[in-house]
Amino acid sequence: MTDSLYERLGGEDAITAVVDEFYDRIMADEQVAGYFDDVDMQKQRAHQAQFISSVTGGPVEYAGGEMEAVHADMGITPSDFGAIATHLDDALAEFDVAEDDREAVLDEIASYQDAIVTAAD
């Protein structure tokens, strides 16, 4: 039986570590850090780990708000989405996730782009 992407990533603990690295990178990036100015980052990190676990086939039910509704008033541009995706890819690479698996995670995230991107560059 083939391992799920969630299992190949290393499960809950590994995904939590990647998410922590991901948000450390985001918060250091002036282009996108402002989106999180008034956000409880501990809650956000847990939420993101839950989301990534869910979309990669983990035994986790995603309990976040509807993607479109949550991001509707944020004004996220295509270039901001791209910067955030790059930070995720870099965080995955930091933990030696194979390129094919990194691409699979990014493909899952990209499937939500139309719901997340609400502004033009």
C-alpha atoms as a PDB file:
ATOM      1  CA  MET A   1       0.000   0.000   0.000  1.00  0.00           C
ATOM      2  CA  THR A   2       1.308   3.444  -0.912  1.00  0.00           C
ATOM      3  CA  ASP A   3       1.790   5.953   1.876  1.00  0.00           C
ATOM      4  CA  SER A   4      -0.365   9.059   1.704  1.00  0.00           C
ATOM      5  CA  LEU A   5       1.283  12.414   1.160  1.00  0.00           C
ATOM      6  CA  TYR A   6       0.527  13.134   4.826  1.00  0.00           C
ATOM      7  CA  GLU A   7       2.535  10.049   5.840  1.00  0.00           C
ATOM      8  CA  ARG A   8       5.381  10.872   3.434  1.00  0.00           C
ATOM      9  CA  LEU A   9       5.589  14.337   5.016  1.00  0.00           C
ATOM     10  CA  GLY A  10       6.052  12.694   8.405  1.00  0.00           C
ATOM     11  CA  GLY A  11       2.613  13.133   9.944  1.00  0.00           C
ATOM     12  CA  GLU A  12       1.372  15.652  12.488  1.00  0.00           C
ATOM     13  CA  ASP A  13       4.652  16.530  14.222  1.00  0.00           C
ATOM     14  CA  ALA A  14       6.543  17.035  10.971  1.00  0.00           C
ATOM     15  CA  ILE A  15       3.754  19.132   9.447  1.00  0.00           C
ATOM     16  CA  THR A  16       3.619  21.271  12.609  1.00  0.00           C
ATOM     17  CA  ALA A  17       7.383  21.854  12.337  1.00  0.00           C
ATOM     18  CA  VAL A  18       7.060  22.821   8.655  1.00  0.00           C
ATOM     19  CA  VAL A  19       4.200  25.203   9.483  1.00  0.00           C
ATOM     20  CA  ASP A  20       6.296  26.873  12.198  1.00  0.00           C
ATOM     21  CA  GLU A  21       9.151  27.380   9.724  1.00  0.00           C
ATOM     22  CA  PHE A  22       6.646  28.586   7.096  1.00  0.00           C
ATOM     23  CA  TYR A  23       5.229  31.291   9.370  1.00  0.00           C
ATOM     24  CA  ASP A  24       8.686  32.323  10.585  1.00  0.00           C
ATOM     25  CA  ARG A  25       9.520  32.992   6.928  1.00  0.00           C
ATOM     26  CA  ILE A  26       6.245  34.831   6.297  1.00  0.00           C
ATOM     27  CA  MET A  27       6.636  37.063   9.338  1.00  0.00           C
ATOM     28  CA  ALA A  28      10.137  38.029   8.146  1.00  0.00           C
ATOM     29  CA  ASP A  29       8.798  39.022   4.696  1.00  0.00           C
ATOM     30  CA  GLU A  30       7.617  42.639   4.511  1.00  0.00           C
ATOM     31  CA  GLN A  31       5.544  41.865   1.397  1.00  0.00           C
ATOM     32  CA  VAL A  32       3.162  39.518   3.222  1.00  0.00           C
ATOM     33  CA  ALA A  33       3.725  39.857   6.992  1.00  0.00           C
ATOM     34  CA  GLY A  34       1.095  42.611   7.231  1.00  0.00           C
ATOM     35  CA  TYR A  35      -1.695  40.139   6.539  1.00  0.00           C
ATOM     36  CA  PHE A  36      -1.029  38.718  10.003  1.00  0.00           C
ATOM     37  CA  ASP A  37      -0.743  41.941  12.035  1.00  0.00           C
ATOM     38  CA  ASP A  38      -3.865  41.320  14.106  1.00  0.00           C
ATOM     39  CA  VAL A  39      -3.844  37.522  13.983  1.00  0.00           C
ATOM     40  CA  ASP A  40      -3.370  35.159  16.928  1.00  0.00           C
ATOM     41  CA  MET A  41      -0.379  33.379  15.421  1.00  0.00           C
ATOM     42  CA  GLN A  42      -0.511  30.388  17.775  1.00  0.00           C
ATOM     43  CA  LYS A  43      -4.072  29.743  16.628  1.00  0.00           C
ATOM     44  CA  GLN A  44      -3.134  30.472  12.999  1.00  0.00           C
ATOM     45  CA  ARG A  45      -0.238  28.011  13.077  1.00  0.00           C
ATOM     46  CA  ALA A  46      -2.472  25.273  14.529  1.00  0.00           C
ATOM     47  CA  HIS A  47      -5.154  26.051  11.948  1.00  0.00           C
ATOM     48  CA  GLN A  48      -2.641  25.873   9.067  1.00  0.00           C
ATOM     49  CA  ALA A  49      -1.206  22.573  10.314  1.00  0.00           C
ATOM     50  CA  GLN A  50      -4.750  21.194  10.430  1.00  0.00           C
ATOM     51  CA  PHE A  51      -5.445  22.450   6.898  1.00  0.00           C
ATOM     52  CA  ILE A  52      -2.242  21.008   5.409  1.00  0.00           C
ATOM     53  CA  SER A  53      -2.807  17.715   7.227  1.00  0.00           C
ATOM     54  CA  SER A  54      -6.317  17.543   5.819  1.00  0.00           C
ATOM     55  CA  VAL A  55      -5.436  18.311   2.184  1.00  0.00           C
ATOM     56  CA  THR A  56      -2.532  15.838   2.207  1.00  0.00           C
ATOM     57  CA  GLY A  57      -4.689  12.899   3.235  1.00  0.00           C
ATOM     58  CA  GLY A  58      -4.131  12.901   6.963  1.00  0.00           C
ATOM     59  CA  PRO A  59      -6.628  11.706   9.547  1.00  0.00           C
ATOM     60  CA  VAL A  60      -7.622  15.308  10.197  1.00  0.00           C
ATOM     61  CA  GLU A  61     -10.907  16.995   9.405  1.00  0.00           C
ATOM     62  CA  TYR A  62     -10.405  20.602   8.340  1.00  0.00           C
ATOM     63  CA  ALA A  63     -12.565  22.803  10.559  1.00  0.00           C
ATOM     64  CA  GLY A  64     -11.688  26.194   9.118  1.00  0.00           C
ATOM     65  CA  GLY A  65     -14.109  28.657   7.595  1.00  0.00           C
ATOM     66  CA  GLU A  66     -15.007  28.540   3.965  1.00  0.00           C
ATOM     67  CA  MET A  67     -11.889  29.605   2.082  1.00  0.00           C
ATOM     68  CA  GLU A  68     -13.603  32.347   0.071  1.00  0.00           C
ATOM     69  CA  ALA A  69     -15.390  33.903   3.043  1.00  0.00           C
ATOM     70  CA  VAL A  70     -12.286  33.911   5.238  1.00  0.00           C
ATOM     71  CA  HIS A  71     -10.108  35.607   2.614  1.00  0.00           C
ATOM     72  CA  ALA A  72     -12.726  37.874   0.980  1.00  0.00           C
ATOM     73  CA  ASP A  73     -11.691  41.130   2.648  1.00  0.00           C
ATOM     74  CA  MET A  74      -7.957  40.480   2.838  1.00  0.00           C
ATOM     75  CA  GLY A  75      -7.037  41.830  -0.603  1.00  0.00           C
ATOM     76  CA  ILE A  76      -4.538  39.084  -1.372  1.00  0.00           C
ATOM     77  CA  THR A  77      -2.931  39.560  -4.781  1.00  0.00           C
ATOM     78  CA  PRO A  78      -1.544  36.909  -7.113  1.00  0.00           C
ATOM     79  CA  SER A  79       2.030  38.009  -6.289  1.00  0.00           C
ATOM     80  CA  ASP A  80       1.305  37.778  -2.544  1.00  0.00           C
ATOM     81  CA  PHE A  81      -0.134  34.282  -3.029  1.00  0.00           C
ATOM     82  CA  GLY A  82       2.992  33.362  -4.980  1.00  0.00           C
ATOM     83  CA  ALA A  83       5.274  34.723  -2.247  1.00  0.00           C
ATOM     84  CA  ILE A  84       3.420  32.738   0.401  1.00  0.00           C
ATOM     85  CA  ALA A  85       3.559  29.576  -1.734  1.00  0.00           C
ATOM     86  CA  THR A  86       7.320  30.095  -2.148  1.00  0.00           C
ATOM     87  CA  HIS A  87       7.704  30.332   1.635  1.00  0.00           C
ATOM     88  CA  LEU A  88       5.812  27.056   1.991  1.00  0.00           C
ATOM     89  CA  ASP A  89       7.998  25.374  -0.619  1.00  0.00           C
ATOM     90  CA  ASP A  90      11.139  26.691   1.094  1.00  0.00           C
ATOM     91  CA  ALA A  91       9.907  25.500   4.501  1.00  0.00           C
ATOM     92  CA  LEU A  92       9.227  22.038   3.081  1.00  0.00           C
ATOM     93  CA  ALA A  93      12.683  21.998   1.485  1.00  0.00           C
ATOM     94  CA  GLU A  94      14.225  23.000   4.830  1.00  0.00           C
ATOM     95  CA  PHE A  95      12.881  19.701   6.206  1.00  0.00           C
ATOM     96  CA  ASP A  96      14.214  17.707   3.240  1.00  0.00           C
ATOM     97  CA  VAL A  97      10.802  16.963   1.749  1.00  0.00           C
ATOM     98  CA  ALA A  98      11.278  15.415  -1.693  1.00  0.00           C
ATOM     99  CA  GLU A  99      10.607  17.691  -4.657  1.00  0.00           C
ATOM    100  CA  ASP A 100       7.700  15.553  -5.916  1.00  0.00           C
ATOM    101  CA  ASP A 101       6.040  15.750  -2.501  1.00  0.00           C
ATOM    102  CA  ARG A 102       6.647  19.509  -2.271  1.00  0.00           C
ATOM    103  CA  GLU A 103       5.004  19.905  -5.679  1.00  0.00           C
ATOM    104  CA  ALA A 104       2.057  17.775  -4.546  1.00  0.00           C
ATOM    105  CA  VAL A 105       1.540  19.993  -1.465  1.00  0.00           C
ATOM    106  CA  LEU A 106       1.786  23.151  -3.564  1.00  0.00           C
ATOM    107  CA  ASP A 107      -0.662  21.722  -6.124  1.00  0.00           C
ATOM    108  CA  GLU A 108      -3.170  21.113  -3.317  1.00  0.00           C
ATOM    109  CA  ILE A 109      -2.726  24.663  -2.028  1.00  0.00           C
ATOM    110  CA  ALA A 110      -2.912  26.095  -5.572  1.00  0.00           C
ATOM    111  CA  SER A 111      -6.333  24.491  -5.999  1.00  0.00           C
ATOM    112  CA  TYR A 112      -7.585  27.106  -3.488  1.00  0.00           C
ATOM    113  CA  GLN A 113      -5.983  30.095  -5.238  1.00  0.00           C
ATOM    114  CA  ASP A 114      -9.209  31.391  -6.807  1.00  0.00           C
ATOM    115  CA  ALA A 115     -10.854  31.464  -3.367  1.00  0.00           C
ATOM    116  CA  ILE A 116      -7.877  33.137  -1.676  1.00  0.00           C
ATOM    117  CA  VAL A 117      -6.761  35.726  -4.240  1.00  0.00           C
ATOM    118  CA  THR A 118      -9.255  38.591  -4.141  1.00  0.00           C
ATOM    119  CA  ALA A 119      -7.272  41.528  -5.533  1.00  0.00           C
ATOM    120  CA  ALA A 120      -5.212  42.350  -8.597  1.00  0.00           C
ATOM    121  CA  ASP A 121      -1.486  43.111  -8.493  1.00  0.00           C
END
